[in-house]
Amino acid sequence: MSRQDPSGTRTLRLVLAWSFVGIPLLWGVLQTLRDALKLFH
């Protein structure tokens, strides 16, 4: 018995997983850069 996973479903799950991690990470990096710029003004 082989498990068949349609390519579209796998791609969607991959995009959702990266979004779940990437969006908060990007937000944190942007906030850190914004706060760091305050030090130089």
PDB file of N, CA and C in Angstrom:
ATOM      1  N   MET A   1       0.840  -1.173   0.000  1.00  0.00           N
ATOM      2  CA  MET A   1       0.000   0.000   0.000  1.00  0.00           C
ATOM      3  C   MET A   1       0.892   1.245   0.000  1.00  0.00           C
ATOM      4  N   SER A   2       0.847   2.007  -1.048  1.00  0.00           N
ATOM      5  CA  SER A   2       1.662   3.222  -1.128  1.00  0.00           C
ATOM      6  C   SER A   2       0.789   4.444  -0.888  1.00  0.00           C
ATOM      7  N   ARG A   3       1.380   5.402  -0.236  1.00  0.00           N
ATOM      8  CA  ARG A   3       0.664   6.651   0.048  1.00  0.00           C
ATOM      9  C   ARG A   3       0.900   7.605  -1.110  1.00  0.00           C
ATOM     10  N   GLN A   4      -0.161   8.073  -1.691  1.00  0.00           N
ATOM     11  CA  GLN A   4      -0.055   9.007  -2.798  1.00  0.00           C
ATOM     12  C   GLN A   4      -0.488  10.382  -2.322  1.00  0.00           C
ATOM     13  N   ASP A   5       0.443  11.355  -2.431  1.00  0.00           N
ATOM     14  CA  ASP A   5       0.171  12.728  -2.017  1.00  0.00           C
ATOM     15  C   ASP A   5       0.224  13.599  -3.260  1.00  0.00           C
ATOM     16  N   PRO A   6      -0.902  14.167  -3.680  1.00  0.00           N
ATOM     17  CA  PRO A   6      -0.873  15.027  -4.860  1.00  0.00           C
ATOM     18  C   PRO A   6       0.116  16.176  -4.685  1.00  0.00           C
ATOM     19  N   SER A   7       0.764  16.537  -5.741  1.00  0.00           N
ATOM     20  CA  SER A   7       1.797  17.575  -5.698  1.00  0.00           C
ATOM     21  C   SER A   7       1.242  18.898  -5.189  1.00  0.00           C
ATOM     22  N   GLY A   8       0.038  19.241  -5.560  1.00  0.00           N
ATOM     23  CA  GLY A   8      -0.564  20.492  -5.129  1.00  0.00           C
ATOM     24  C   GLY A   8      -0.759  20.558  -3.623  1.00  0.00           C
ATOM     25  N   THR A   9      -1.169  19.456  -3.028  1.00  0.00           N
ATOM     26  CA  THR A   9      -1.380  19.411  -1.585  1.00  0.00           C
ATOM     27  C   THR A   9      -0.056  19.558  -0.850  1.00  0.00           C
ATOM     28  N   ARG A  10       0.976  18.900  -1.348  1.00  0.00           N
ATOM     29  CA  ARG A  10       2.292  18.978  -0.716  1.00  0.00           C
ATOM     30  C   ARG A  10       2.838  20.400  -0.812  1.00  0.00           C
ATOM     31  N   THR A  11       2.670  21.032  -1.959  1.00  0.00           N
ATOM     32  CA  THR A  11       3.148  22.405  -2.148  1.00  0.00           C
ATOM     33  C   THR A  11       2.400  23.362  -1.236  1.00  0.00           C
ATOM     34  N   LEU A  12       1.109  23.194  -1.128  1.00  0.00           N
ATOM     35  CA  LEU A  12       0.307  24.055  -0.262  1.00  0.00           C
ATOM     36  C   LEU A  12       0.741  23.915   1.191  1.00  0.00           C
ATOM     37  N   ARG A  13       0.953  22.692   1.639  1.00  0.00           N
ATOM     38  CA  ARG A  13       1.396  22.473   3.023  1.00  0.00           C
ATOM     39  C   ARG A  13       2.766  23.089   3.266  1.00  0.00           C
ATOM     40  N   LEU A  14       3.639  22.999   2.282  1.00  0.00           N
ATOM     41  CA  LEU A  14       4.973  23.585   2.412  1.00  0.00           C
ATOM     42  C   LEU A  14       4.892  25.102   2.503  1.00  0.00           C
ATOM     43  N   VAL A  15       4.075  25.715   1.670  1.00  0.00           N
ATOM     44  CA  VAL A  15       3.909  27.172   1.694  1.00  0.00           C
ATOM     45  C   VAL A  15       3.302  27.618   3.020  1.00  0.00           C
ATOM     46  N   LEU A  16       2.322  26.899   3.500  1.00  0.00           N
ATOM     47  CA  LEU A  16       1.704  27.254   4.784  1.00  0.00           C
ATOM     48  C   LEU A  16       2.695  27.119   5.941  1.00  0.00           C
ATOM     49  N   ALA A  17       3.509  26.089   5.912  1.00  0.00           N
ATOM     50  CA  ALA A  17       4.487  25.893   6.977  1.00  0.00           C
ATOM     51  C   ALA A  17       5.525  27.008   6.966  1.00  0.00           C
ATOM     52  N   TRP A  18       6.029  27.365   5.789  1.00  0.00           N
ATOM     53  CA  TRP A  18       7.017  28.452   5.701  1.00  0.00           C
ATOM     54  C   TRP A  18       6.395  29.782   6.087  1.00  0.00           C
ATOM     55  N   SER A  19       5.138  29.988   5.750  1.00  0.00           N
ATOM     56  CA  SER A  19       4.462  31.231   6.124  1.00  0.00           C
ATOM     57  C   SER A  19       4.290  31.309   7.636  1.00  0.00           C
ATOM     58  N   PHE A  20       3.969  30.187   8.246  1.00  0.00           N
ATOM     59  CA  PHE A  20       3.769  30.134   9.698  1.00  0.00           C
ATOM     60  C   PHE A  20       5.044  30.524  10.436  1.00  0.00           C
ATOM     61  N   VAL A  21       6.188  30.181   9.887  1.00  0.00           N
ATOM     62  CA  VAL A  21       7.474  30.504  10.503  1.00  0.00           C
ATOM     63  C   VAL A  21       8.019  31.830   9.970  1.00  0.00           C
ATOM     64  N   GLY A  22       7.902  32.048   8.674  1.00  0.00           N
ATOM     65  CA  GLY A  22       8.557  33.179   8.025  1.00  0.00           C
ATOM     66  C   GLY A  22       7.953  34.531   8.330  1.00  0.00           C
ATOM     67  N   ILE A  23       6.650  34.619   8.442  1.00  0.00           N
ATOM     68  CA  ILE A  23       6.003  35.909   8.675  1.00  0.00           C
ATOM     69  C   ILE A  23       6.367  36.479  10.044  1.00  0.00           C
ATOM     70  N   PRO A  24       6.264  35.700  11.126  1.00  0.00           N
ATOM     71  CA  PRO A  24       6.706  36.254  12.422  1.00  0.00           C
ATOM     72  C   PRO A  24       8.207  36.553  12.448  1.00  0.00           C
ATOM     73  N   LEU A  25       8.995  35.728  11.776  1.00  0.00           N
ATOM     74  CA  LEU A  25      10.436  35.972  11.724  1.00  0.00           C
ATOM     75  C   LEU A  25      10.730  37.282  11.015  1.00  0.00           C
ATOM     76  N   LEU A  26      10.094  37.507   9.882  1.00  0.00           N
ATOM     77  CA  LEU A  26      10.276  38.755   9.140  1.00  0.00           C
ATOM     78  C   LEU A  26       9.830  39.948   9.978  1.00  0.00           C
ATOM     79  N   TRP A  27       8.709  39.815  10.675  1.00  0.00           N
ATOM     80  CA  TRP A  27       8.217  40.888  11.530  1.00  0.00           C
ATOM     81  C   TRP A  27       9.247  41.228  12.608  1.00  0.00           C
ATOM     82  N   GLY A  28       9.813  40.213  13.233  1.00  0.00           N
ATOM     83  CA  GLY A  28      10.809  40.431  14.268  1.00  0.00           C
ATOM     84  C   GLY A  28      12.061  41.108  13.745  1.00  0.00           C
ATOM     85  N   VAL A  29      12.509  40.699  12.566  1.00  0.00           N
ATOM     86  CA  VAL A  29      13.697  41.318  11.961  1.00  0.00           C
ATOM     87  C   VAL A  29      13.423  42.778  11.638  1.00  0.00           C
ATOM     88  N   LEU A  30      12.265  43.066  11.084  1.00  0.00           N
ATOM     89  CA  LEU A  30      11.929  44.450  10.747  1.00  0.00           C
ATOM     90  C   LEU A  30      11.829  45.323  11.994  1.00  0.00           C
ATOM     91  N   GLN A  31      11.246  44.799  13.058  1.00  0.00           N
ATOM     92  CA  GLN A  31      11.142  45.564  14.301  1.00  0.00           C
ATOM     93  C   GLN A  31      12.524  45.818  14.899  1.00  0.00           C
ATOM     94  N   THR A  32      13.398  44.827  14.827  1.00  0.00           N
ATOM     95  CA  THR A  32      14.755  44.978  15.345  1.00  0.00           C
ATOM     96  C   THR A  32      15.520  46.031  14.553  1.00  0.00           C
ATOM     97  N   LEU A  33      15.398  46.001  13.235  1.00  0.00           N
ATOM     98  CA  LEU A  33      16.070  47.000  12.397  1.00  0.00           C
ATOM     99  C   LEU A  33      15.522  48.401  12.676  1.00  0.00           C
ATOM    100  N   ARG A  34      14.230  48.503  12.857  1.00  0.00           N
ATOM    101  CA  ARG A  34      13.617  49.794  13.142  1.00  0.00           C
ATOM    102  C   ARG A  34      14.137  50.358  14.457  1.00  0.00           C
ATOM    103  N   ASP A  35      14.221  49.509  15.464  1.00  0.00           N
ATOM    104  CA  ASP A  35      14.732  49.960  16.758  1.00  0.00           C
ATOM    105  C   ASP A  35      16.221  50.266  16.703  1.00  0.00           C
ATOM    106  N   ALA A  36      16.960  49.506  15.916  1.00  0.00           N
ATOM    107  CA  ALA A  36      18.403  49.753  15.796  1.00  0.00           C
ATOM    108  C   ALA A  36      18.668  51.089  15.091  1.00  0.00           C
ATOM    109  N   LEU A  37      17.830  51.455  14.149  1.00  0.00           N
ATOM    110  CA  LEU A  37      18.011  52.721  13.449  1.00  0.00           C
ATOM    111  C   LEU A  37      17.836  53.915  14.393  1.00  0.00           C
ATOM    112  N   LYS A  38      17.022  53.739  15.430  1.00  0.00           N
ATOM    113  CA  LYS A  38      16.828  54.818  16.402  1.00  0.00           C
ATOM    114  C   LYS A  38      18.141  55.151  17.126  1.00  0.00           C
ATOM    115  N   LEU A  39      19.003  54.156  17.285  1.00  0.00           N
ATOM    116  CA  LEU A  39      20.268  54.369  17.970  1.00  0.00           C
ATOM    117  C   LEU A  39      21.222  55.280  17.176  1.00  0.00           C
ATOM    118  N   PHE A  40      21.047  55.304  15.873  1.00  0.00           N
ATOM    119  CA  PHE A  40      21.961  56.051  15.011  1.00  0.00           C
ATOM    120  C   PHE A  40      21.443  57.420  14.621  1.00  0.00           C
ATOM    121  N   HIS A  41      20.283  57.779  15.104  1.00  0.00           N
ATOM    122  CA  HIS A  41      19.741  59.119  14.784  1.00  0.00           C
ATOM    123  C   HIS A  41      19.879  60.042  15.940  1.00  0.00           C
TER     124      HIS A  41
END
